[in-house]
Amino acid sequence: MKSQNQQLKPQDVCLLLKIVSDNNPEWNQKPVAEALGLSQSEVSEAVARCKYSGLLAHNGKTVIKMALLEFLQYGLRYVFPVKPGAVVRGVPTSHSAKPLSDVIQSTEAYIWPYGKGTVRGHGITPLYPSIPEAALKDEKLHKLLALADALRVGRARERELAVKELKKRLELGE
């Protein structure tokens, strides 16, 4: 029997945030795979890893929101670290995207490098290569991914504001 590696991968976080953004307990793998730019088998494997790690319920459909918040808040920047890179064109993320751009004023923009992007800033490697395109198609997902990036790359203030916003969006109170 094949032993499968159950360690989380970056696309697993993207999948969980997409499920949260869609807020559809009857979601199906094929449309989610297409929306995220993943193959259906990648989504299936991500579901298995997320169930194993306790981030998805045993039914494979329901995100365990408190566990997800804890992972994002305390683990994301250590498991999937990132440092700002060269100035390029792309899609805003972290404090440069909504909702944090409404409360944080900064002269430095952070972006996911993307040829069709409209903003110049320091490049942040997205959790998965197809994320900039997926985020442009889904505003709710874009906001959740930008908050996750604020936790990956932000300073204490950005991280604190991102956690506060995530609690609201995950409906975990404030």
N, C-alpha and C. Protein backbone atom coordinates (compact mmCIF):
# COMPACT_ATOMS: atom_id res chain seq x y z
N MET A 1 0.84 -1.19 0.00
CA MET A 1 0.00 0.00 0.00
C MET A 1 0.88 1.25 0.00
N LYS A 2 0.51 2.21 -0.83
CA LYS A 2 1.27 3.44 -0.95
C LYS A 2 1.07 4.31 0.29
N SER A 3 2.18 4.73 0.88
CA SER A 3 2.12 5.63 2.03
C SER A 3 2.13 7.06 1.50
N GLN A 4 1.09 7.82 1.85
CA GLN A 4 0.98 9.18 1.33
C GLN A 4 1.52 10.18 2.34
N ASN A 5 2.28 11.15 1.84
CA ASN A 5 2.80 12.21 2.67
C ASN A 5 1.64 13.12 3.07
N GLN A 6 1.41 13.29 4.36
CA GLN A 6 0.27 14.06 4.83
C GLN A 6 0.65 15.47 5.30
N GLN A 7 1.86 15.92 4.97
CA GLN A 7 2.25 17.28 5.36
C GLN A 7 1.53 18.28 4.48
N LEU A 8 1.09 19.38 5.10
CA LEU A 8 0.37 20.41 4.36
C LEU A 8 1.24 21.03 3.27
N LYS A 9 0.58 21.42 2.19
CA LYS A 9 1.22 22.12 1.09
C LYS A 9 0.54 23.48 0.96
N PRO A 10 1.20 24.45 0.32
CA PRO A 10 0.61 25.78 0.21
C PRO A 10 -0.78 25.79 -0.44
N GLN A 11 -0.99 24.92 -1.44
CA GLN A 11 -2.30 24.91 -2.10
C GLN A 11 -3.42 24.47 -1.16
N ASP A 12 -3.07 23.78 -0.07
CA ASP A 12 -4.07 23.37 0.91
C ASP A 12 -4.67 24.59 1.58
N VAL A 13 -3.83 25.56 1.90
CA VAL A 13 -4.30 26.81 2.51
C VAL A 13 -5.20 27.54 1.53
N CYS A 14 -4.81 27.57 0.27
CA CYS A 14 -5.62 28.21 -0.77
C CYS A 14 -7.00 27.54 -0.86
N LEU A 15 -7.01 26.22 -0.83
CA LEU A 15 -8.27 25.48 -0.89
C LEU A 15 -9.16 25.84 0.29
N LEU A 16 -8.60 25.83 1.48
CA LEU A 16 -9.39 26.15 2.68
C LEU A 16 -9.97 27.56 2.61
N LEU A 17 -9.17 28.51 2.16
CA LEU A 17 -9.65 29.89 2.05
C LEU A 17 -10.71 30.01 0.96
N LYS A 18 -10.59 29.23 -0.11
CA LYS A 18 -11.62 29.24 -1.16
C LYS A 18 -12.93 28.68 -0.62
N ILE A 19 -12.86 27.60 0.15
CA ILE A 19 -14.08 27.02 0.73
C ILE A 19 -14.75 28.04 1.64
N VAL A 20 -13.94 28.74 2.45
CA VAL A 20 -14.49 29.77 3.34
C VAL A 20 -15.11 30.90 2.53
N SER A 21 -14.43 31.34 1.48
CA SER A 21 -14.94 32.47 0.69
C SER A 21 -16.23 32.12 -0.03
N ASP A 22 -16.36 30.89 -0.50
CA ASP A 22 -17.58 30.46 -1.20
C ASP A 22 -18.75 30.27 -0.23
N ASN A 23 -18.44 29.87 1.00
CA ASN A 23 -19.47 29.65 2.03
C ASN A 23 -20.59 28.74 1.51
N ASN A 24 -20.20 27.64 0.88
CA ASN A 24 -21.16 26.68 0.34
C ASN A 24 -20.83 25.30 0.89
N PRO A 25 -21.63 24.80 1.87
CA PRO A 25 -21.32 23.51 2.47
C PRO A 25 -21.44 22.32 1.50
N GLU A 26 -22.01 22.55 0.34
CA GLU A 26 -22.16 21.49 -0.65
C GLU A 26 -21.20 21.67 -1.84
N TRP A 27 -20.06 22.32 -1.60
CA TRP A 27 -19.11 22.60 -2.68
C TRP A 27 -18.62 21.31 -3.33
N ASN A 28 -18.23 21.43 -4.60
CA ASN A 28 -17.71 20.30 -5.35
C ASN A 28 -16.28 20.58 -5.79
N GLN A 29 -15.50 19.52 -5.93
CA GLN A 29 -14.08 19.67 -6.22
C GLN A 29 -13.80 20.27 -7.59
N LYS A 30 -14.56 19.89 -8.61
CA LYS A 30 -14.24 20.34 -9.96
C LYS A 30 -14.31 21.87 -10.11
N PRO A 31 -15.42 22.52 -9.71
CA PRO A 31 -15.45 23.99 -9.86
C PRO A 31 -14.42 24.70 -8.98
N VAL A 32 -14.15 24.14 -7.81
CA VAL A 32 -13.13 24.74 -6.94
C VAL A 32 -11.75 24.60 -7.57
N ALA A 33 -11.47 23.45 -8.14
CA ALA A 33 -10.19 23.23 -8.83
C ALA A 33 -10.02 24.23 -9.97
N GLU A 34 -11.07 24.41 -10.76
CA GLU A 34 -11.01 25.36 -11.88
C GLU A 34 -10.80 26.78 -11.37
N ALA A 35 -11.49 27.16 -10.32
CA ALA A 35 -11.39 28.53 -9.78
C ALA A 35 -10.00 28.82 -9.24
N LEU A 36 -9.34 27.80 -8.68
CA LEU A 36 -8.01 27.98 -8.10
C LEU A 36 -6.87 27.70 -9.08
N GLY A 37 -7.19 27.18 -10.23
CA GLY A 37 -6.15 26.83 -11.19
C GLY A 37 -5.39 25.58 -10.77
N LEU A 38 -6.08 24.67 -10.10
CA LEU A 38 -5.50 23.39 -9.67
C LEU A 38 -6.14 22.27 -10.47
N SER A 39 -5.49 21.12 -10.48
CA SER A 39 -6.12 19.95 -11.09
C SER A 39 -7.07 19.35 -10.05
N GLN A 40 -8.01 18.56 -10.53
CA GLN A 40 -8.95 17.94 -9.61
C GLN A 40 -8.23 16.98 -8.66
N SER A 41 -7.19 16.31 -9.14
CA SER A 41 -6.45 15.40 -8.26
C SER A 41 -5.71 16.17 -7.17
N GLU A 42 -5.21 17.39 -7.51
CA GLU A 42 -4.55 18.21 -6.48
C GLU A 42 -5.54 18.61 -5.40
N VAL A 43 -6.77 18.93 -5.80
CA VAL A 43 -7.80 19.29 -4.82
C VAL A 43 -8.14 18.08 -3.96
N SER A 44 -8.26 16.92 -4.57
CA SER A 44 -8.57 15.69 -3.83
C SER A 44 -7.48 15.39 -2.81
N GLU A 45 -6.22 15.52 -3.22
CA GLU A 45 -5.11 15.28 -2.29
C GLU A 45 -5.07 16.34 -1.19
N ALA A 46 -5.39 17.59 -1.54
CA ALA A 46 -5.42 18.67 -0.55
C ALA A 46 -6.51 18.40 0.49
N VAL A 47 -7.66 17.93 0.04
CA VAL A 47 -8.74 17.60 0.96
C VAL A 47 -8.27 16.52 1.94
N ALA A 48 -7.60 15.50 1.43
CA ALA A 48 -7.11 14.42 2.29
C ALA A 48 -6.12 14.95 3.33
N ARG A 49 -5.19 15.81 2.90
CA ARG A 49 -4.21 16.37 3.84
C ARG A 49 -4.89 17.26 4.88
N CYS A 50 -5.86 18.05 4.45
CA CYS A 50 -6.55 18.95 5.38
C CYS A 50 -7.40 18.18 6.39
N LYS A 51 -8.00 17.08 5.95
CA LYS A 51 -8.74 16.22 6.88
C LYS A 51 -7.78 15.60 7.90
N TYR A 52 -6.65 15.11 7.41
CA TYR A 52 -5.64 14.47 8.27
C TYR A 52 -5.12 15.45 9.32
N SER A 53 -4.94 16.71 8.91
CA SER A 53 -4.37 17.71 9.82
C SER A 53 -5.41 18.35 10.74
N GLY A 54 -6.68 18.04 10.53
CA GLY A 54 -7.72 18.58 11.40
C GLY A 54 -8.23 19.95 10.98
N LEU A 55 -7.93 20.36 9.75
CA LEU A 55 -8.42 21.65 9.26
C LEU A 55 -9.74 21.52 8.50
N LEU A 56 -10.05 20.31 8.07
CA LEU A 56 -11.34 20.01 7.44
C LEU A 56 -12.01 18.91 8.24
N ALA A 57 -13.32 18.99 8.37
CA ALA A 57 -14.09 17.95 9.06
C ALA A 57 -13.98 16.64 8.29
N HIS A 58 -14.36 15.55 8.93
CA HIS A 58 -14.26 14.23 8.31
C HIS A 58 -15.09 14.11 7.03
N ASN A 59 -16.14 14.94 6.89
CA ASN A 59 -16.94 14.89 5.67
C ASN A 59 -16.21 15.51 4.47
N GLY A 60 -15.07 16.19 4.73
CA GLY A 60 -14.28 16.77 3.67
C GLY A 60 -14.88 18.03 3.07
N LYS A 61 -15.93 18.56 3.67
CA LYS A 61 -16.63 19.72 3.13
C LYS A 61 -16.57 20.94 4.04
N THR A 62 -16.43 20.73 5.34
CA THR A 62 -16.55 21.80 6.32
C THR A 62 -15.19 22.17 6.91
N VAL A 63 -14.83 23.44 6.78
CA VAL A 63 -13.58 23.94 7.36
C VAL A 63 -13.75 24.08 8.86
N ILE A 64 -12.79 23.58 9.62
CA ILE A 64 -12.76 23.78 11.07
C ILE A 64 -12.14 25.17 11.27
N LYS A 65 -12.99 26.17 11.38
CA LYS A 65 -12.55 27.56 11.30
C LYS A 65 -11.59 27.96 12.42
N MET A 66 -11.82 27.49 13.63
CA MET A 66 -10.92 27.84 14.73
C MET A 66 -9.53 27.26 14.49
N ALA A 67 -9.47 26.03 14.02
CA ALA A 67 -8.19 25.40 13.72
C ALA A 67 -7.47 26.15 12.58
N LEU A 68 -8.25 26.55 11.57
CA LEU A 68 -7.66 27.30 10.47
C LEU A 68 -7.09 28.63 10.96
N LEU A 69 -7.86 29.34 11.79
CA LEU A 69 -7.37 30.62 12.32
C LEU A 69 -6.08 30.42 13.12
N GLU A 70 -6.06 29.40 13.98
CA GLU A 70 -4.85 29.13 14.77
C GLU A 70 -3.66 28.83 13.87
N PHE A 71 -3.88 28.02 12.84
CA PHE A 71 -2.78 27.71 11.92
C PHE A 71 -2.29 28.96 11.20
N LEU A 72 -3.24 29.75 10.68
CA LEU A 72 -2.85 30.97 9.97
C LEU A 72 -2.12 31.94 10.90
N GLN A 73 -2.65 32.10 12.10
CA GLN A 73 -2.09 33.07 13.04
C GLN A 73 -0.71 32.66 13.56
N TYR A 74 -0.56 31.40 13.90
CA TYR A 74 0.67 30.98 14.58
C TYR A 74 1.64 30.17 13.73
N GLY A 75 1.17 29.59 12.64
CA GLY A 75 2.05 28.69 11.89
C GLY A 75 2.40 29.10 10.48
N LEU A 76 1.52 29.85 9.83
CA LEU A 76 1.68 30.11 8.40
C LEU A 76 3.03 30.73 8.05
N ARG A 77 3.46 31.73 8.81
CA ARG A 77 4.71 32.42 8.46
C ARG A 77 5.95 31.56 8.70
N TYR A 78 5.81 30.50 9.50
CA TYR A 78 6.94 29.60 9.73
C TYR A 78 6.96 28.44 8.73
N VAL A 79 5.77 27.99 8.34
CA VAL A 79 5.67 26.86 7.42
C VAL A 79 5.86 27.30 5.97
N PHE A 80 5.31 28.47 5.62
CA PHE A 80 5.41 28.99 4.26
C PHE A 80 5.95 30.43 4.30
N PRO A 81 7.22 30.60 4.72
CA PRO A 81 7.78 31.95 4.85
C PRO A 81 8.00 32.61 3.49
N VAL A 82 8.05 33.93 3.52
CA VAL A 82 8.29 34.69 2.29
C VAL A 82 8.94 36.02 2.66
N LYS A 83 9.78 36.51 1.78
CA LYS A 83 10.42 37.82 1.96
C LYS A 83 10.10 38.66 0.72
N PRO A 84 9.85 39.96 0.91
CA PRO A 84 9.59 40.82 -0.25
C PRO A 84 10.79 40.82 -1.20
N GLY A 85 10.48 40.81 -2.49
CA GLY A 85 11.53 40.78 -3.50
C GLY A 85 11.62 42.08 -4.27
N ALA A 86 12.08 41.96 -5.51
CA ALA A 86 12.28 43.12 -6.38
C ALA A 86 10.95 43.79 -6.71
N VAL A 87 11.04 45.03 -7.15
CA VAL A 87 9.85 45.77 -7.57
C VAL A 87 9.44 45.29 -8.96
N VAL A 88 8.20 44.82 -9.04
CA VAL A 88 7.65 44.30 -10.29
C VAL A 88 6.17 44.71 -10.38
N ARG A 89 5.54 44.35 -11.49
CA ARG A 89 4.12 44.62 -11.67
C ARG A 89 3.33 43.39 -11.25
N GLY A 90 2.14 43.64 -10.65
CA GLY A 90 1.34 42.51 -10.24
C GLY A 90 0.04 42.90 -9.56
N VAL A 91 -0.44 41.99 -8.71
CA VAL A 91 -1.72 42.13 -8.01
C VAL A 91 -1.43 42.42 -6.54
N PRO A 92 -2.05 43.47 -5.97
CA PRO A 92 -1.78 43.83 -4.57
C PRO A 92 -2.11 42.68 -3.60
N THR A 93 -1.30 42.59 -2.54
CA THR A 93 -1.53 41.62 -1.49
C THR A 93 -1.08 42.21 -0.16
N SER A 94 -1.24 41.46 0.90
CA SER A 94 -0.86 41.87 2.26
C SER A 94 -1.53 43.20 2.59
N HIS A 95 -0.76 44.15 3.12
CA HIS A 95 -1.33 45.43 3.53
C HIS A 95 -1.67 46.34 2.34
N SER A 96 -1.26 45.95 1.14
CA SER A 96 -1.52 46.76 -0.05
C SER A 96 -2.87 46.46 -0.69
N ALA A 97 -3.55 45.42 -0.21
CA ALA A 97 -4.85 45.03 -0.74
C ALA A 97 -5.91 45.23 0.33
N LYS A 98 -7.15 45.31 -0.11
CA LYS A 98 -8.25 45.41 0.85
C LYS A 98 -8.34 44.08 1.58
N PRO A 99 -8.70 44.06 2.83
CA PRO A 99 -9.21 45.14 3.65
C PRO A 99 -8.14 45.96 4.37
N LEU A 100 -6.90 45.49 4.42
CA LEU A 100 -5.88 46.19 5.20
C LEU A 100 -5.48 47.53 4.59
N SER A 101 -5.59 47.68 3.28
CA SER A 101 -5.21 48.95 2.65
C SER A 101 -6.12 50.09 3.10
N ASP A 102 -7.29 49.75 3.64
CA ASP A 102 -8.20 50.78 4.15
C ASP A 102 -7.71 51.37 5.47
N VAL A 103 -6.90 50.61 6.22
CA VAL A 103 -6.45 51.08 7.54
C VAL A 103 -4.95 51.29 7.65
N ILE A 104 -4.19 50.78 6.69
CA ILE A 104 -2.73 50.92 6.73
C ILE A 104 -2.29 51.76 5.52
N GLN A 105 -1.63 52.85 5.80
CA GLN A 105 -1.08 53.69 4.73
C GLN A 105 0.41 53.36 4.63
N SER A 106 0.85 53.02 3.44
CA SER A 106 2.25 52.65 3.24
C SER A 106 2.73 53.12 1.87
N THR A 107 3.98 53.52 1.82
CA THR A 107 4.56 53.91 0.53
C THR A 107 5.08 52.69 -0.21
N GLU A 108 5.26 51.57 0.48
CA GLU A 108 5.73 50.33 -0.13
C GLU A 108 4.55 49.41 -0.41
N ALA A 109 4.38 49.07 -1.67
CA ALA A 109 3.31 48.12 -2.04
C ALA A 109 3.90 46.71 -2.10
N TYR A 110 3.11 45.74 -1.66
CA TYR A 110 3.45 44.33 -1.80
C TYR A 110 2.49 43.74 -2.82
N ILE A 111 3.03 43.01 -3.77
CA ILE A 111 2.20 42.45 -4.84
C ILE A 111 2.61 41.00 -5.13
N TRP A 112 1.67 40.26 -5.73
CA TRP A 112 2.02 38.97 -6.31
C TRP A 112 2.45 39.28 -7.74
N PRO A 113 3.63 38.90 -8.15
CA PRO A 113 4.04 39.16 -9.54
C PRO A 113 3.06 38.52 -10.52
N TYR A 114 2.59 39.35 -11.46
CA TYR A 114 1.60 38.86 -12.44
C TYR A 114 1.59 39.82 -13.62
N GLY A 115 1.78 39.32 -14.80
CA GLY A 115 1.89 40.14 -16.00
C GLY A 115 0.69 41.03 -16.26
N LYS A 116 -0.51 40.58 -15.90
CA LYS A 116 -1.72 41.37 -16.13
C LYS A 116 -2.05 42.27 -14.95
N GLY A 117 -1.16 42.32 -13.96
CA GLY A 117 -1.38 43.17 -12.79
C GLY A 117 -1.26 44.64 -13.15
N THR A 118 -1.80 45.49 -12.28
CA THR A 118 -1.84 46.92 -12.56
C THR A 118 -1.03 47.75 -11.56
N VAL A 119 -0.44 47.11 -10.58
CA VAL A 119 0.25 47.82 -9.51
C VAL A 119 1.72 47.42 -9.50
N ARG A 120 2.60 48.39 -9.23
CA ARG A 120 4.02 48.08 -9.08
C ARG A 120 4.34 48.02 -7.59
N GLY A 121 5.12 47.03 -7.20
CA GLY A 121 5.50 46.90 -5.81
C GLY A 121 6.49 45.78 -5.62
N HIS A 122 6.83 45.53 -4.37
CA HIS A 122 7.76 44.45 -4.03
C HIS A 122 7.04 43.12 -4.19
N GLY A 123 7.66 42.22 -4.94
CA GLY A 123 7.06 40.92 -5.21
C GLY A 123 7.03 40.02 -3.99
N ILE A 124 5.88 39.41 -3.76
CA ILE A 124 5.69 38.41 -2.71
C ILE A 124 5.30 37.12 -3.44
N THR A 125 6.05 36.07 -3.24
CA THR A 125 5.71 34.80 -3.87
C THR A 125 4.37 34.32 -3.33
N PRO A 126 3.37 34.11 -4.21
CA PRO A 126 2.06 33.65 -3.73
C PRO A 126 2.15 32.22 -3.20
N LEU A 127 1.18 31.83 -2.40
CA LEU A 127 1.15 30.47 -1.87
C LEU A 127 1.16 29.43 -2.99
N TYR A 128 0.55 29.77 -4.11
CA TYR A 128 0.51 28.86 -5.26
C TYR A 128 0.56 29.71 -6.53
N PRO A 129 1.23 29.26 -7.58
CA PRO A 129 1.44 30.10 -8.77
C PRO A 129 0.16 30.65 -9.41
N SER A 130 -0.96 29.94 -9.33
CA SER A 130 -2.19 30.39 -10.00
C SER A 130 -3.00 31.37 -9.16
N ILE A 131 -2.53 31.70 -7.98
CA ILE A 131 -3.30 32.54 -7.06
C ILE A 131 -3.59 33.95 -7.58
N PRO A 132 -2.65 34.65 -8.20
CA PRO A 132 -3.01 36.00 -8.67
C PRO A 132 -4.22 36.00 -9.61
N GLU A 133 -4.26 35.07 -10.52
CA GLU A 133 -5.39 34.99 -11.45
C GLU A 133 -6.68 34.61 -10.72
N ALA A 134 -6.59 33.63 -9.81
CA ALA A 134 -7.77 33.22 -9.04
C ALA A 134 -8.30 34.37 -8.19
N ALA A 135 -7.40 35.15 -7.61
CA ALA A 135 -7.81 36.27 -6.76
C ALA A 135 -8.51 37.35 -7.56
N LEU A 136 -8.07 37.58 -8.79
CA LEU A 136 -8.72 38.59 -9.62
C LEU A 136 -10.15 38.20 -9.99
N LYS A 137 -10.45 36.91 -9.98
CA LYS A 137 -11.79 36.43 -10.32
C LYS A 137 -12.72 36.38 -9.10
N ASP A 138 -12.16 36.42 -7.88
CA ASP A 138 -12.96 36.24 -6.67
C ASP A 138 -12.49 37.22 -5.60
N GLU A 139 -13.24 38.30 -5.42
CA GLU A 139 -12.84 39.36 -4.49
C GLU A 139 -12.74 38.87 -3.05
N LYS A 140 -13.70 38.03 -2.63
CA LYS A 140 -13.65 37.50 -1.25
C LYS A 140 -12.39 36.68 -1.02
N LEU A 141 -12.07 35.82 -2.00
CA LEU A 141 -10.86 35.00 -1.91
C LEU A 141 -9.62 35.89 -1.88
N HIS A 142 -9.60 36.93 -2.72
CA HIS A 142 -8.47 37.85 -2.77
C HIS A 142 -8.22 38.45 -1.39
N LYS A 143 -9.28 38.89 -0.73
CA LYS A 143 -9.13 39.49 0.60
C LYS A 143 -8.58 38.49 1.61
N LEU A 144 -9.08 37.26 1.57
CA LEU A 144 -8.59 36.24 2.51
C LEU A 144 -7.12 35.90 2.25
N LEU A 145 -6.74 35.77 0.98
CA LEU A 145 -5.35 35.47 0.64
C LEU A 145 -4.43 36.63 1.01
N ALA A 146 -4.91 37.87 0.82
CA ALA A 146 -4.11 39.05 1.19
C ALA A 146 -3.91 39.08 2.71
N LEU A 147 -4.93 38.73 3.47
CA LEU A 147 -4.80 38.67 4.93
C LEU A 147 -3.81 37.58 5.33
N ALA A 148 -3.86 36.45 4.64
CA ALA A 148 -2.90 35.37 4.92
C ALA A 148 -1.48 35.85 4.62
N ASP A 149 -1.30 36.60 3.53
CA ASP A 149 0.03 37.13 3.22
C ASP A 149 0.49 38.14 4.25
N ALA A 150 -0.44 38.91 4.81
CA ALA A 150 -0.07 39.86 5.87
C ALA A 150 0.48 39.09 7.07
N LEU A 151 -0.04 37.90 7.30
CA LEU A 151 0.48 37.06 8.39
C LEU A 151 1.83 36.47 8.02
N ARG A 152 2.06 36.21 6.74
CA ARG A 152 3.33 35.63 6.30
C ARG A 152 4.46 36.65 6.29
N VAL A 153 4.17 37.89 5.90
CA VAL A 153 5.23 38.85 5.63
C VAL A 153 5.15 40.11 6.48
N GLY A 154 4.00 40.34 7.13
CA GLY A 154 3.79 41.60 7.83
C GLY A 154 4.52 41.70 9.16
N ARG A 155 4.62 42.95 9.61
CA ARG A 155 5.17 43.22 10.94
C ARG A 155 4.03 43.02 11.95
N ALA A 156 4.34 43.24 13.22
CA ALA A 156 3.39 42.96 14.29
C ALA A 156 2.03 43.64 14.08
N ARG A 157 2.04 44.91 13.71
CA ARG A 157 0.78 45.64 13.53
C ARG A 157 -0.06 45.04 12.41
N GLU A 158 0.57 44.75 11.28
CA GLU A 158 -0.15 44.17 10.16
C GLU A 158 -0.73 42.80 10.53
N ARG A 159 0.07 42.01 11.24
CA ARG A 159 -0.39 40.68 11.66
C ARG A 159 -1.57 40.80 12.61
N GLU A 160 -1.50 41.74 13.54
CA GLU A 160 -2.59 41.93 14.50
C GLU A 160 -3.89 42.33 13.79
N LEU A 161 -3.79 43.27 12.85
CA LEU A 161 -4.97 43.69 12.09
C LEU A 161 -5.49 42.56 11.20
N ALA A 162 -4.60 41.77 10.64
CA ALA A 162 -5.00 40.65 9.79
C ALA A 162 -5.76 39.61 10.60
N VAL A 163 -5.30 39.31 11.80
CA VAL A 163 -5.98 38.33 12.65
C VAL A 163 -7.38 38.84 13.00
N LYS A 164 -7.47 40.12 13.32
CA LYS A 164 -8.77 40.72 13.65
C LYS A 164 -9.74 40.58 12.48
N GLU A 165 -9.27 40.88 11.27
CA GLU A 165 -10.10 40.76 10.07
C GLU A 165 -10.47 39.30 9.79
N LEU A 166 -9.51 38.41 9.96
CA LEU A 166 -9.80 36.99 9.71
C LEU A 166 -10.85 36.46 10.67
N LYS A 167 -10.78 36.88 11.92
CA LYS A 167 -11.80 36.45 12.90
C LYS A 167 -13.19 36.86 12.42
N LYS A 168 -13.29 38.08 11.91
CA LYS A 168 -14.60 38.55 11.39
C LYS A 168 -15.04 37.71 10.21
N ARG A 169 -14.14 37.49 9.27
CA ARG A 169 -14.49 36.79 8.04
C ARG A 169 -14.74 35.29 8.26
N LEU A 170 -14.12 34.74 9.30
CA LEU A 170 -14.35 33.34 9.65
C LEU A 170 -15.53 33.19 10.62
N GLU A 171 -16.12 34.34 10.96
CA GLU A 171 -17.28 34.38 11.87
C GLU A 171 -16.93 33.77 13.22
N LEU A 172 -15.78 34.18 13.75
CA LEU A 172 -15.32 33.67 15.04
C LEU A 172 -15.40 34.75 16.12
N GLY A 173 -16.17 35.79 15.87
CA GLY A 173 -16.30 36.86 16.87
C GLY A 173 -15.13 37.80 16.80
N GLU A 174 -15.12 38.75 17.69
CA GLU A 174 -14.03 39.74 17.72
C GLU A 174 -13.57 39.96 19.10
